[in-house]
Amino acid sequence: PNGSYEDVLDKPPDPNDIMDLIKNDISSEWNSVGMELNISMNDRETLRRDISLTDTEKLERILNEWRRSETKPVTWRTMLIALKSLGRQDLIRKVIDYLQMPENYRKYISMNNYSRITF
C-alpha cells in the first residue's frame, strides 16, 4: 500500500527526524511546544533564562526532555496533536508527507535536505 502512515503514528519518532522536520519553522515557539508536551513550567523557565542557548537548542532540549520523562506518550501522534494545538497545519502536512514515504526511503533521505524536497 502506498503511503499508509497510520502504522507509524504510535511509534516513537527519531528525535533527529523531528528536529530536522520542524526546527526551521517552529524553534521560536519552543516554549509553546514544551507546554503542549507537558514539560514543567520550571524546566521551561530555566530554559527561557538561559541566554546562551539558541531557540533551536531550546527546542531540542524540550524534545529530549519529552523523550526522557515521557510527560506525554512519545509518539508521532503526540507530536501531530501538539502541532495541531499550535495551529501549525503546515508542519502537520510536512510530518505526514514524511511519514507516508516508504520506511527505507525515510531512512535513506538526508534529512538535512528535507526542506528542499517537494511533494
PDB file of N, CA and C in Angstrom:
ATOM      1  N   PRO A   1       0.837  -1.192   0.000  1.00  0.00           N
ATOM      2  CA  PRO A   1       0.000   0.000   0.000  1.00  0.00           C
ATOM      3  C   PRO A   1       0.870   1.240   0.000  1.00  0.00           C
ATOM      4  N   ASN A   2       0.520   2.177  -0.838  1.00  0.00           N
ATOM      5  CA  ASN A   2       1.420   3.318  -0.927  1.00  0.00           C
ATOM      6  C   ASN A   2       1.040   4.362   0.096  1.00  0.00           C
ATOM      7  N   GLY A   3       1.965   4.574   0.995  1.00  0.00           N
ATOM      8  CA  GLY A   3       1.888   5.688   1.910  1.00  0.00           C
ATOM      9  C   GLY A   3       0.862   5.645   3.013  1.00  0.00           C
ATOM     10  N   SER A   4       0.535   4.462   3.574  1.00  0.00           N
ATOM     11  CA  SER A   4      -0.281   4.480   4.775  1.00  0.00           C
ATOM     12  C   SER A   4       0.650   4.762   5.945  1.00  0.00           C
ATOM     13  N   TYR A   5       0.382   5.834   6.641  1.00  0.00           N
ATOM     14  CA  TYR A   5       1.275   6.204   7.738  1.00  0.00           C
ATOM     15  C   TYR A   5       0.668   5.846   9.088  1.00  0.00           C
ATOM     16  N   GLU A   6      -0.568   5.303   9.084  1.00  0.00           N
ATOM     17  CA  GLU A   6      -1.260   5.002  10.335  1.00  0.00           C
ATOM     18  C   GLU A   6      -0.429   4.109  11.255  1.00  0.00           C
ATOM     19  N   ASP A   7       0.276   3.138  10.665  1.00  0.00           N
ATOM     20  CA  ASP A   7       1.015   2.173  11.479  1.00  0.00           C
ATOM     21  C   ASP A   7       2.219   2.796  12.189  1.00  0.00           C
ATOM     22  N   VAL A   8       2.679   3.946  11.743  1.00  0.00           N
ATOM     23  CA  VAL A   8       3.828   4.569  12.427  1.00  0.00           C
ATOM     24  C   VAL A   8       3.421   5.631  13.436  1.00  0.00           C
ATOM     25  N   LEU A   9       2.149   5.994  13.449  1.00  0.00           N
ATOM     26  CA  LEU A   9       1.708   7.090  14.320  1.00  0.00           C
ATOM     27  C   LEU A   9       1.995   6.832  15.791  1.00  0.00           C
ATOM     28  N   ASP A  10       1.919   5.583  16.215  1.00  0.00           N
ATOM     29  CA  ASP A  10       2.119   5.288  17.635  1.00  0.00           C
ATOM     30  C   ASP A  10       3.512   4.755  17.934  1.00  0.00           C
ATOM     31  N   LYS A  11       4.427   4.953  16.995  1.00  0.00           N
ATOM     32  CA  LYS A  11       5.825   4.584  17.228  1.00  0.00           C
ATOM     33  C   LYS A  11       6.594   5.813  17.678  1.00  0.00           C
ATOM     34  N   PRO A  12       7.684   5.574  18.426  1.00  0.00           N
ATOM     35  CA  PRO A  12       8.483   6.729  18.851  1.00  0.00           C
ATOM     36  C   PRO A  12       9.259   7.310  17.676  1.00  0.00           C
ATOM     37  N   PRO A  13       9.183   8.614  17.516  1.00  0.00           N
ATOM     38  CA  PRO A  13       9.926   9.250  16.429  1.00  0.00           C
ATOM     39  C   PRO A  13      11.404   9.339  16.762  1.00  0.00           C
ATOM     40  N   ASP A  14      12.216   9.281  15.735  1.00  0.00           N
ATOM     41  CA  ASP A  14      13.638   9.550  15.910  1.00  0.00           C
ATOM     42  C   ASP A  14      13.758  11.052  16.183  1.00  0.00           C
ATOM     43  N   PRO A  15      14.430  11.426  17.287  1.00  0.00           N
ATOM     44  CA  PRO A  15      14.494  12.861  17.629  1.00  0.00           C
ATOM     45  C   PRO A  15      15.132  13.702  16.533  1.00  0.00           C
ATOM     46  N   ASN A  16      16.093  13.124  15.812  1.00  0.00           N
ATOM     47  CA  ASN A  16      16.711  13.885  14.720  1.00  0.00           C
ATOM     48  C   ASN A  16      15.709  14.149  13.602  1.00  0.00           C
ATOM     49  N   ASP A  17      14.843  13.185  13.344  1.00  0.00           N
ATOM     50  CA  ASP A  17      13.823  13.373  12.305  1.00  0.00           C
ATOM     51  C   ASP A  17      12.902  14.527  12.673  1.00  0.00           C
ATOM     52  N   ILE A  18      12.431  14.529  13.921  1.00  0.00           N
ATOM     53  CA  ILE A  18      11.528  15.611  14.341  1.00  0.00           C
ATOM     54  C   ILE A  18      12.242  16.948  14.229  1.00  0.00           C
ATOM     55  N   MET A  19      13.455  17.025  14.751  1.00  0.00           N
ATOM     56  CA  MET A  19      14.184  18.292  14.706  1.00  0.00           C
ATOM     57  C   MET A  19      14.354  18.769  13.273  1.00  0.00           C
ATOM     58  N   ASP A  20      14.766  17.851  12.392  1.00  0.00           N
ATOM     59  CA  ASP A  20      15.015  18.255  11.011  1.00  0.00           C
ATOM     60  C   ASP A  20      13.730  18.659  10.298  1.00  0.00           C
ATOM     61  N   LEU A  21      12.611  18.054  10.680  1.00  0.00           N
ATOM     62  CA  LEU A  21      11.339  18.394  10.043  1.00  0.00           C
ATOM     63  C   LEU A  21      10.793  19.740  10.501  1.00  0.00           C
ATOM     64  N   ILE A  22      10.944  20.062  11.785  1.00  0.00           N
ATOM     65  CA  ILE A  22      10.227  21.235  12.299  1.00  0.00           C
ATOM     66  C   ILE A  22      11.103  22.392  12.761  1.00  0.00           C
ATOM     67  N   LYS A  23      12.400  22.165  12.983  1.00  0.00           N
ATOM     68  CA  LYS A  23      13.203  23.201  13.658  1.00  0.00           C
ATOM     69  C   LYS A  23      13.231  24.538  12.931  1.00  0.00           C
ATOM     70  N   ASN A  24      13.262  24.522  11.611  1.00  0.00           N
ATOM     71  CA  ASN A  24      13.359  25.795  10.876  1.00  0.00           C
ATOM     72  C   ASN A  24      12.077  26.609  10.966  1.00  0.00           C
ATOM     73  N   ASP A  25      10.972  25.942  11.290  1.00  0.00           N
ATOM     74  CA  ASP A  25       9.675  26.616  11.253  1.00  0.00           C
ATOM     75  C   ASP A  25       9.104  26.951  12.614  1.00  0.00           C
ATOM     76  N   ILE A  26       9.588  26.282  13.664  1.00  0.00           N
ATOM     77  CA  ILE A  26       8.885  26.419  14.942  1.00  0.00           C
ATOM     78  C   ILE A  26       9.828  26.626  16.124  1.00  0.00           C
ATOM     79  N   SER A  27      11.121  26.743  15.880  1.00  0.00           N
ATOM     80  CA  SER A  27      12.061  26.899  17.004  1.00  0.00           C
ATOM     81  C   SER A  27      11.686  28.057  17.921  1.00  0.00           C
ATOM     82  N   SER A  28      11.221  29.155  17.338  1.00  0.00           N
ATOM     83  CA  SER A  28      10.883  30.319  18.161  1.00  0.00           C
ATOM     84  C   SER A  28       9.693  30.021  19.086  1.00  0.00           C
ATOM     85  N   GLU A  29       8.962  28.950  18.803  1.00  0.00           N
ATOM     86  CA  GLU A  29       7.808  28.570  19.623  1.00  0.00           C
ATOM     87  C   GLU A  29       8.145  27.415  20.569  1.00  0.00           C
ATOM     88  N   TRP A  30       9.436  27.252  20.879  1.00  0.00           N
ATOM     89  CA  TRP A  30       9.868  26.126  21.723  1.00  0.00           C
ATOM     90  C   TRP A  30       9.097  26.050  23.039  1.00  0.00           C
ATOM     91  N   ASN A  31       8.774  27.209  23.627  1.00  0.00           N
ATOM     92  CA  ASN A  31       8.082  27.227  24.912  1.00  0.00           C
ATOM     93  C   ASN A  31       6.661  26.672  24.770  1.00  0.00           C
ATOM     94  N   SER A  32       5.967  27.049  23.697  1.00  0.00           N
ATOM     95  CA  SER A  32       4.613  26.539  23.435  1.00  0.00           C
ATOM     96  C   SER A  32       4.643  25.041  23.149  1.00  0.00           C
ATOM     97  N   VAL A  33       5.656  24.605  22.389  1.00  0.00           N
ATOM     98  CA  VAL A  33       5.809  23.167  22.130  1.00  0.00           C
ATOM     99  C   VAL A  33       5.990  22.441  23.460  1.00  0.00           C
ATOM    100  N   GLY A  34       6.833  23.003  24.328  1.00  0.00           N
ATOM    101  CA  GLY A  34       7.058  22.414  25.643  1.00  0.00           C
ATOM    102  C   GLY A  34       5.784  22.327  26.467  1.00  0.00           C
ATOM    103  N   MET A  35       4.972  23.380  26.395  1.00  0.00           N
ATOM    104  CA  MET A  35       3.704  23.374  27.127  1.00  0.00           C
ATOM    105  C   MET A  35       2.808  22.259  26.606  1.00  0.00           C
ATOM    106  N   GLU A  36       2.729  22.130  25.286  1.00  0.00           N
ATOM    107  CA  GLU A  36       1.887  21.087  24.675  1.00  0.00           C
ATOM    108  C   GLU A  36       2.364  19.682  25.040  1.00  0.00           C
ATOM    109  N   LEU A  37       3.652  19.533  25.273  1.00  0.00           N
ATOM    110  CA  LEU A  37       4.207  18.207  25.606  1.00  0.00           C
ATOM    111  C   LEU A  37       4.291  17.994  27.124  1.00  0.00           C
ATOM    112  N   ASN A  38       3.645  18.903  27.881  1.00  0.00           N
ATOM    113  CA  ASN A  38       3.601  18.819  29.356  1.00  0.00           C
ATOM    114  C   ASN A  38       4.967  18.920  30.026  1.00  0.00           C
ATOM    115  N   ILE A  39       5.876  19.667  29.421  1.00  0.00           N
ATOM    116  CA  ILE A  39       7.159  19.931  30.083  1.00  0.00           C
ATOM    117  C   ILE A  39       6.883  20.960  31.186  1.00  0.00           C
ATOM    118  N   SER A  40       7.431  20.728  32.361  1.00  0.00           N
ATOM    119  CA  SER A  40       7.089  21.575  33.513  1.00  0.00           C
ATOM    120  C   SER A  40       7.439  23.045  33.270  1.00  0.00           C
ATOM    121  N   MET A  41       6.665  23.891  33.914  1.00  0.00           N
ATOM    122  CA  MET A  41       6.909  25.326  33.810  1.00  0.00           C
ATOM    123  C   MET A  41       8.318  25.649  34.321  1.00  0.00           C
ATOM    124  N   ASN A  42       8.732  24.943  35.352  1.00  0.00           N
ATOM    125  CA  ASN A  42      10.054  25.149  35.919  1.00  0.00           C
ATOM    126  C   ASN A  42      11.154  24.866  34.890  1.00  0.00           C
ATOM    127  N   ASP A  43      11.042  23.732  34.204  1.00  0.00           N
ATOM    128  CA  ASP A  43      12.036  23.384  33.175  1.00  0.00           C
ATOM    129  C   ASP A  43      12.037  24.412  32.047  1.00  0.00           C
ATOM    130  N   ARG A  44      10.833  24.835  31.643  1.00  0.00           N
ATOM    131  CA  ARG A  44      10.738  25.816  30.552  1.00  0.00           C
ATOM    132  C   ARG A  44      11.297  27.169  30.986  1.00  0.00           C
ATOM    133  N   GLU A  45      11.042  27.541  32.242  1.00  0.00           N
ATOM    134  CA  GLU A  45      11.548  28.817  32.757  1.00  0.00           C
ATOM    135  C   GLU A  45      13.073  28.803  32.829  1.00  0.00           C
ATOM    136  N   THR A  46      13.638  27.669  33.240  1.00  0.00           N
ATOM    137  CA  THR A  46      15.099  27.531  33.283  1.00  0.00           C
ATOM    138  C   THR A  46      15.681  27.719  31.878  1.00  0.00           C
ATOM    139  N   LEU A  47      15.043  27.099  30.896  1.00  0.00           N
ATOM    140  CA  LEU A  47      15.497  27.256  29.507  1.00  0.00           C
ATOM    141  C   LEU A  47      15.354  28.708  29.050  1.00  0.00           C
ATOM    142  N   ARG A  48      14.224  29.322  29.400  1.00  0.00           N
ATOM    143  CA  ARG A  48      13.970  30.695  28.957  1.00  0.00           C
ATOM    144  C   ARG A  48      15.061  31.637  29.456  1.00  0.00           C
ATOM    145  N   ARG A  49      15.517  31.387  30.692  1.00  0.00           N
ATOM    146  CA  ARG A  49      16.526  32.277  31.284  1.00  0.00           C
ATOM    147  C   ARG A  49      17.931  32.036  30.741  1.00  0.00           C
ATOM    148  N   ASP A  50      18.143  30.887  30.099  1.00  0.00           N
ATOM    149  CA  ASP A  50      19.488  30.559  29.614  1.00  0.00           C
ATOM    150  C   ASP A  50      19.746  31.247  28.270  1.00  0.00           C
ATOM    151  N   ILE A  51      20.374  32.423  28.349  1.00  0.00           N
ATOM    152  CA  ILE A  51      20.571  33.212  27.127  1.00  0.00           C
ATOM    153  C   ILE A  51      21.698  32.669  26.247  1.00  0.00           C
ATOM    154  N   SER A  52      22.412  31.662  26.748  1.00  0.00           N
ATOM    155  CA  SER A  52      23.493  31.093  25.931  1.00  0.00           C
ATOM    156  C   SER A  52      22.950  30.137  24.869  1.00  0.00           C
ATOM    157  N   LEU A  53      21.675  29.741  25.011  1.00  0.00           N
ATOM    158  CA  LEU A  53      21.093  28.772  24.070  1.00  0.00           C
ATOM    159  C   LEU A  53      20.276  29.471  22.992  1.00  0.00           C
ATOM    160  N   THR A  54      20.371  28.955  21.773  1.00  0.00           N
ATOM    161  CA  THR A  54      19.516  29.460  20.690  1.00  0.00           C
ATOM    162  C   THR A  54      18.124  28.832  20.858  1.00  0.00           C
ATOM    163  N   ASP A  55      17.142  29.392  20.162  1.00  0.00           N
ATOM    164  CA  ASP A  55      15.789  28.814  20.189  1.00  0.00           C
ATOM    165  C   ASP A  55      15.805  27.370  19.700  1.00  0.00           C
ATOM    166  N   THR A  56      16.628  27.095  18.695  1.00  0.00           N
ATOM    167  CA  THR A  56      16.705  25.732  18.163  1.00  0.00           C
ATOM    168  C   THR A  56      17.240  24.773  19.222  1.00  0.00           C
ATOM    169  N   GLU A  57      18.240  25.205  19.969  1.00  0.00           N
ATOM    170  CA  GLU A  57      18.779  24.363  21.049  1.00  0.00           C
ATOM    171  C   GLU A  57      17.749  24.170  22.158  1.00  0.00           C
ATOM    172  N   LYS A  58      16.964  25.206  22.415  1.00  0.00           N
ATOM    173  CA  LYS A  58      15.917  25.085  23.434  1.00  0.00           C
ATOM    174  C   LYS A  58      14.852  24.088  22.979  1.00  0.00           C
ATOM    175  N   LEU A  59      14.483  24.147  21.706  1.00  0.00           N
ATOM    176  CA  LEU A  59      13.519  23.184  21.164  1.00  0.00           C
ATOM    177  C   LEU A  59      14.067  21.762  21.285  1.00  0.00           C
ATOM    178  N   GLU A  60      15.331  21.610  20.972  1.00  0.00           N
ATOM    179  CA  GLU A  60      15.959  20.289  21.065  1.00  0.00           C
ATOM    180  C   GLU A  60      15.914  19.773  22.512  1.00  0.00           C
ATOM    181  N   ARG A  61      16.179  20.649  23.466  1.00  0.00           N
ATOM    182  CA  ARG A  61      16.138  20.234  24.883  1.00  0.00           C
ATOM    183  C   ARG A  61      14.721  19.882  25.315  1.00  0.00           C
ATOM    184  N   ILE A  62      13.740  20.631  24.803  1.00  0.00           N
ATOM    185  CA  ILE A  62      12.336  20.322  25.095  1.00  0.00           C
ATOM    186  C   ILE A  62      12.008  18.907  24.594  1.00  0.00           C
ATOM    187  N   LEU A  63      12.397  18.613  23.358  1.00  0.00           N
ATOM    188  CA  LEU A  63      12.103  17.292  22.781  1.00  0.00           C
ATOM    189  C   LEU A  63      12.843  16.187  23.530  1.00  0.00           C
ATOM    190  N   ASN A  64      14.077  16.459  23.922  1.00  0.00           N
ATOM    191  CA  ASN A  64      14.839  15.461  24.687  1.00  0.00           C
ATOM    192  C   ASN A  64      14.202  15.205  26.051  1.00  0.00           C
ATOM    193  N   GLU A  65      13.728  16.261  26.688  1.00  0.00           N
ATOM    194  CA  GLU A  65      13.068  16.111  27.995  1.00  0.00           C
ATOM    195  C   GLU A  65      11.772  15.310  27.841  1.00  0.00           C
ATOM    196  N   TRP A  66      11.036  15.575  26.778  1.00  0.00           N
ATOM    197  CA  TRP A  66       9.808  14.823  26.484  1.00  0.00           C
ATOM    198  C   TRP A  66      10.134  13.332  26.359  1.00  0.00           C
ATOM    199  N   ARG A  67      11.181  13.018  25.605  1.00  0.00           N
ATOM    200  CA  ARG A  67      11.570  11.613  25.427  1.00  0.00           C
ATOM    201  C   ARG A  67      12.047  11.002  26.739  1.00  0.00           C
ATOM    202  N   ARG A  68      12.792  11.755  27.512  1.00  0.00           N
ATOM    203  CA  ARG A  68      13.377  11.228  28.746  1.00  0.00           C
ATOM    204  C   ARG A  68      12.298  10.985  29.811  1.00  0.00           C
ATOM    205  N   SER A  69      11.417  11.960  29.990  1.00  0.00           N
ATOM    206  CA  SER A  69      10.471  11.873  31.106  1.00  0.00           C
ATOM    207  C   SER A  69       9.092  11.372  30.687  1.00  0.00           C
ATOM    208  N   GLU A  70       8.876  11.236  29.369  1.00  0.00           N
ATOM    209  CA  GLU A  70       7.587  10.747  28.853  1.00  0.00           C
ATOM    210  C   GLU A  70       6.408  11.468  29.494  1.00  0.00           C
ATOM    211  N   THR A  71       6.469  12.797  29.469  1.00  0.00           N
ATOM    212  CA  THR A  71       5.398  13.621  30.026  1.00  0.00           C
ATOM    213  C   THR A  71       4.089  13.401  29.270  1.00  0.00           C
ATOM    214  N   LYS A  72       4.196  13.003  28.019  1.00  0.00           N
ATOM    215  CA  LYS A  72       3.073  12.540  27.200  1.00  0.00           C
ATOM    216  C   LYS A  72       3.655  11.397  26.376  1.00  0.00           C
ATOM    217  N   PRO A  73       2.818  10.491  25.836  1.00  0.00           N
ATOM    218  CA  PRO A  73       3.371   9.369  25.056  1.00  0.00           C
ATOM    219  C   PRO A  73       4.323   9.872  23.961  1.00  0.00           C
ATOM    220  N   VAL A  74       5.474   9.235  23.878  1.00  0.00           N
ATOM    221  CA  VAL A  74       6.494   9.663  22.915  1.00  0.00           C
ATOM    222  C   VAL A  74       6.213   8.981  21.576  1.00  0.00           C
ATOM    223  N   THR A  75       5.283   9.589  20.825  1.00  0.00           N
ATOM    224  CA  THR A  75       4.872   9.034  19.535  1.00  0.00           C
ATOM    225  C   THR A  75       4.721  10.166  18.524  1.00  0.00           C
ATOM    226  N   TRP A  76       4.700   9.777  17.251  1.00  0.00           N
ATOM    227  CA  TRP A  76       4.423  10.749  16.190  1.00  0.00           C
ATOM    228  C   TRP A  76       3.042  11.370  16.401  1.00  0.00           C
ATOM    229  N   ARG A  77       2.092  10.538  16.862  1.00  0.00           N
ATOM    230  CA  ARG A  77       0.719  11.027  17.075  1.00  0.00           C
ATOM    231  C   ARG A  77       0.717  12.193  18.071  1.00  0.00           C
ATOM    232  N   THR A  78       1.430  12.039  19.176  1.00  0.00           N
ATOM    233  CA  THR A  78       1.510  13.103  20.181  1.00  0.00           C
ATOM    234  C   THR A  78       2.068  14.386  19.564  1.00  0.00           C
ATOM    235  N   MET A  79       3.106  14.231  18.748  1.00  0.00           N
ATOM    236  CA  MET A  79       3.700  15.406  18.104  1.00  0.00           C
ATOM    237  C   MET A  79       2.700  16.082  17.170  1.00  0.00           C
ATOM    238  N   LEU A  80       1.949  15.287  16.406  1.00  0.00           N
ATOM    239  CA  LEU A  80       0.949  15.859  15.491  1.00  0.00           C
ATOM    240  C   LEU A  80      -0.155  16.581  16.265  1.00  0.00           C
ATOM    241  N   ILE A  81      -0.557  16.012  17.404  1.00  0.00           N
ATOM    242  CA  ILE A  81      -1.591  16.658  18.235  1.00  0.00           C
ATOM    243  C   ILE A  81      -1.063  17.994  18.780  1.00  0.00           C
ATOM    244  N   ALA A  82       0.199  17.994  19.202  1.00  0.00           N
ATOM    245  CA  ALA A  82       0.811  19.237  19.701  1.00  0.00           C
ATOM    246  C   ALA A  82       0.841  20.292  18.597  1.00  0.00           C
ATOM    247  N   LEU A  83       1.244  19.883  17.395  1.00  0.00           N
ATOM    248  CA  LEU A  83       1.303  20.832  16.273  1.00  0.00           C
ATOM    249  C   LEU A  83      -0.094  21.357  15.935  1.00  0.00           C
ATOM    250  N   LYS A  84      -1.093  20.464  16.037  1.00  0.00           N
ATOM    251  CA  LYS A  84      -2.476  20.888  15.761  1.00  0.00           C
ATOM    252  C   LYS A  84      -2.913  21.934  16.785  1.00  0.00           C
ATOM    253  N   SER A  85      -2.592  21.695  18.055  1.00  0.00           N
ATOM    254  CA  SER A  85      -2.958  22.657  19.110  1.00  0.00           C
ATOM    255  C   SER A  85      -2.311  24.012  18.874  1.00  0.00           C
ATOM    256  N   LEU A  86      -1.133  23.990  18.249  1.00  0.00           N
ATOM    257  CA  LEU A  86      -0.418  25.242  17.973  1.00  0.00           C
ATOM    258  C   LEU A  86      -0.849  25.863  16.641  1.00  0.00           C
ATOM    259  N   GLY A  87      -1.815  25.216  15.972  1.00  0.00           N
ATOM    260  CA  GLY A  87      -2.321  25.744  14.704  1.00  0.00           C
ATOM    261  C   GLY A  87      -1.329  25.621  13.559  1.00  0.00           C
ATOM    262  N   ARG A  88      -0.412  24.652  13.652  1.00  0.00           N
ATOM    263  CA  ARG A  88       0.634  24.528  12.631  1.00  0.00           C
ATOM    264  C   ARG A  88       0.297  23.455  11.598  1.00  0.00           C
ATOM    265  N   GLN A  89      -0.767  23.741  10.841  1.00  0.00           N
ATOM    266  CA  GLN A  89      -1.212  22.837   9.777  1.00  0.00           C
ATOM    267  C   GLN A  89      -0.088  22.583   8.780  1.00  0.00           C
ATOM    268  N   ASP A  90       0.733  23.605   8.545  1.00  0.00           N
ATOM    269  CA  ASP A  90       1.851  23.474   7.599  1.00  0.00           C
ATOM    270  C   ASP A  90       2.812  22.371   8.038  1.00  0.00           C
ATOM    271  N   LEU A  91       3.095  22.329   9.331  1.00  0.00           N
ATOM    272  CA  LEU A  91       4.034  21.323   9.842  1.00  0.00           C
ATOM    273  C   LEU A  91       3.387  19.950   9.949  1.00  0.00           C
ATOM    274  N   ILE A  92       2.084  19.915  10.222  1.00  0.00           N
ATOM    275  CA  ILE A  92       1.371  18.633  10.230  1.00  0.00           C
ATOM    276  C   ILE A  92       1.485  18.001   8.847  1.00  0.00           C
ATOM    277  N   ARG A  93       1.260  18.808   7.814  1.00  0.00           N
ATOM    278  CA  ARG A  93       1.353  18.327   6.429  1.00  0.00           C
ATOM    279  C   ARG A  93       2.770  17.806   6.141  1.00  0.00           C
ATOM    280  N   LYS A  94       3.757  18.553   6.595  1.00  0.00           N
ATOM    281  CA  LYS A  94       5.159  18.182   6.365  1.00  0.00           C
ATOM    282  C   LYS A  94       5.482  16.838   7.030  1.00  0.00           C
ATOM    283  N   VAL A  95       5.017  16.675   8.280  1.00  0.00           N
ATOM    284  CA  VAL A  95       5.271  15.432   9.008  1.00  0.00           C
ATOM    285  C   VAL A  95       4.538  14.264   8.343  1.00  0.00           C
ATOM    286  N   ILE A  96       3.272  14.474   7.974  1.00  0.00           N
ATOM    287  CA  ILE A  96       2.509  13.387   7.349  1.00  0.00           C
ATOM    288  C   ILE A  96       3.121  13.015   6.002  1.00  0.00           C
ATOM    289  N   ASP A  97       3.534  14.005   5.229  1.00  0.00           N
ATOM    290  CA  ASP A  97       4.203  13.705   3.952  1.00  0.00           C
ATOM    291  C   ASP A  97       5.436  12.843   4.190  1.00  0.00           C
ATOM    292  N   TYR A  98       6.174  13.176   5.226  1.00  0.00           N
ATOM    293  CA  TYR A  98       7.380  12.409   5.571  1.00  0.00           C
ATOM    294  C   TYR A  98       7.012  10.982   5.988  1.00  0.00           C
ATOM    295  N   LEU A  99       6.002  10.855   6.843  1.00  0.00           N
ATOM    296  CA  LEU A  99       5.611   9.531   7.339  1.00  0.00           C
ATOM    297  C   LEU A  99       5.027   8.651   6.237  1.00  0.00           C
ATOM    298  N   GLN A 100       4.510   9.264   5.179  1.00  0.00           N
ATOM    299  CA  GLN A 100       3.933   8.484   4.088  1.00  0.00           C
ATOM    300  C   GLN A 100       4.990   7.919   3.142  1.00  0.00           C
ATOM    301  N   MET A 101       6.219   8.390   3.267  1.00  0.00           N
ATOM    302  CA  MET A 101       7.280   7.819   2.440  1.00  0.00           C
ATOM    303  C   MET A 101       7.560   6.392   2.900  1.00  0.00           C
ATOM    304  N   PRO A 102       7.965   5.518   1.979  1.00  0.00           N
ATOM    305  CA  PRO A 102       8.368   4.172   2.413  1.00  0.00           C
ATOM    306  C   PRO A 102       9.490   4.289   3.446  1.00  0.00           C
ATOM    307  N   GLU A 103       9.470   3.394   4.421  1.00  0.00           N
ATOM    308  CA  GLU A 103      10.412   3.496   5.541  1.00  0.00           C
ATOM    309  C   GLU A 103      11.865   3.514   5.076  1.00  0.00           C
ATOM    310  N   ASN A 104      12.188   2.653   4.103  1.00  0.00           N
ATOM    311  CA  ASN A 104      13.588   2.619   3.650  1.00  0.00           C
ATOM    312  C   ASN A 104      13.980   3.949   2.999  1.00  0.00           C
ATOM    313  N   TYR A 105      13.012   4.618   2.379  1.00  0.00           N
ATOM    314  CA  TYR A 105      13.287   5.905   1.759  1.00  0.00           C
ATOM    315  C   TYR A 105      13.489   6.969   2.844  1.00  0.00           C
ATOM    316  N   ARG A 106      12.653   6.898   3.902  1.00  0.00           N
ATOM    317  CA  ARG A 106      12.817   7.854   5.011  1.00  0.00           C
ATOM    318  C   ARG A 106      14.207   7.714   5.613  1.00  0.00           C
ATOM    319  N   LYS A 107      14.647   6.465   5.779  1.00  0.00           N
ATOM    320  CA  LYS A 107      15.969   6.240   6.369  1.00  0.00           C
ATOM    321  C   LYS A 107      17.072   6.759   5.443  1.00  0.00           C
ATOM    322  N   TYR A 108      16.841   6.625   4.153  1.00  0.00           N
ATOM    323  CA  TYR A 108      17.864   6.951   3.163  1.00  0.00           C
ATOM    324  C   TYR A 108      18.024   8.460   2.977  1.00  0.00           C
ATOM    325  N   ILE A 109      16.906   9.156   3.071  1.00  0.00           N
ATOM    326  CA  ILE A 109      16.917  10.609   2.820  1.00  0.00           C
ATOM    327  C   ILE A 109      17.876  11.321   3.754  1.00  0.00           C
ATOM    328  N   SER A 110      18.603  12.246   3.216  1.00  0.00           N
ATOM    329  CA  SER A 110      19.391  13.108   4.097  1.00  0.00           C
ATOM    330  C   SER A 110      18.422  14.160   4.624  1.00  0.00           C
ATOM    331  N   MET A 111      18.060  14.029   5.887  1.00  0.00           N
ATOM    332  CA  MET A 111      17.028  14.918   6.415  1.00  0.00           C
ATOM    333  C   MET A 111      17.479  16.371   6.461  1.00  0.00           C
ATOM    334  N   ASN A 112      18.767  16.596   6.373  1.00  0.00           N
ATOM    335  CA  ASN A 112      19.217  17.986   6.327  1.00  0.00           C
ATOM    336  C   ASN A 112      18.752  18.680   5.057  1.00  0.00           C
ATOM    337  N   ASN A 113      18.415  17.876   4.053  1.00  0.00           N
ATOM    338  CA  ASN A 113      17.933  18.460   2.804  1.00  0.00           C
ATOM    339  C   ASN A 113      16.417  18.392   2.702  1.00  0.00           C
ATOM    340  N   TYR A 114      15.778  18.037   3.808  1.00  0.00           N
ATOM    341  CA  TYR A 114      14.330  17.812   3.777  1.00  0.00           C
ATOM    342  C   TYR A 114      13.574  19.018   3.256  1.00  0.00           C
ATOM    343  N   SER A 115      13.993  20.198   3.668  1.00  0.00           N
ATOM    344  CA  SER A 115      13.225  21.389   3.302  1.00  0.00           C
ATOM    345  C   SER A 115      13.233  21.628   1.800  1.00  0.00           C
ATOM    346  N   ARG A 116      14.170  21.001   1.098  1.00  0.00           N
ATOM    347  CA  ARG A 116      14.223  21.207  -0.354  1.00  0.00           C
ATOM    348  C   ARG A 116      13.374  20.209  -1.125  1.00  0.00           C
ATOM    349  N   ILE A 117      12.848  19.209  -0.424  1.00  0.00           N
ATOM    350  CA  ILE A 117      12.050  18.189  -1.099  1.00  0.00           C
ATOM    351  C   ILE A 117      10.662  18.751  -1.348  1.00  0.00           C
ATOM    352  N   THR A 118      10.129  18.547  -2.539  1.00  0.00           N
ATOM    353  CA  THR A 118       8.776  18.998  -2.807  1.00  0.00           C
ATOM    354  C   THR A 118       7.892  17.786  -3.043  1.00  0.00           C
ATOM    355  N   PHE A 119       6.633  17.952  -2.734  1.00  0.00           N
ATOM    356  CA  PHE A 119       5.682  16.835  -2.870  1.00  0.00           C
ATOM    357  C   PHE A 119       4.640  17.190  -3.911  1.00  0.00           C
TER     358      PHE A 119
END
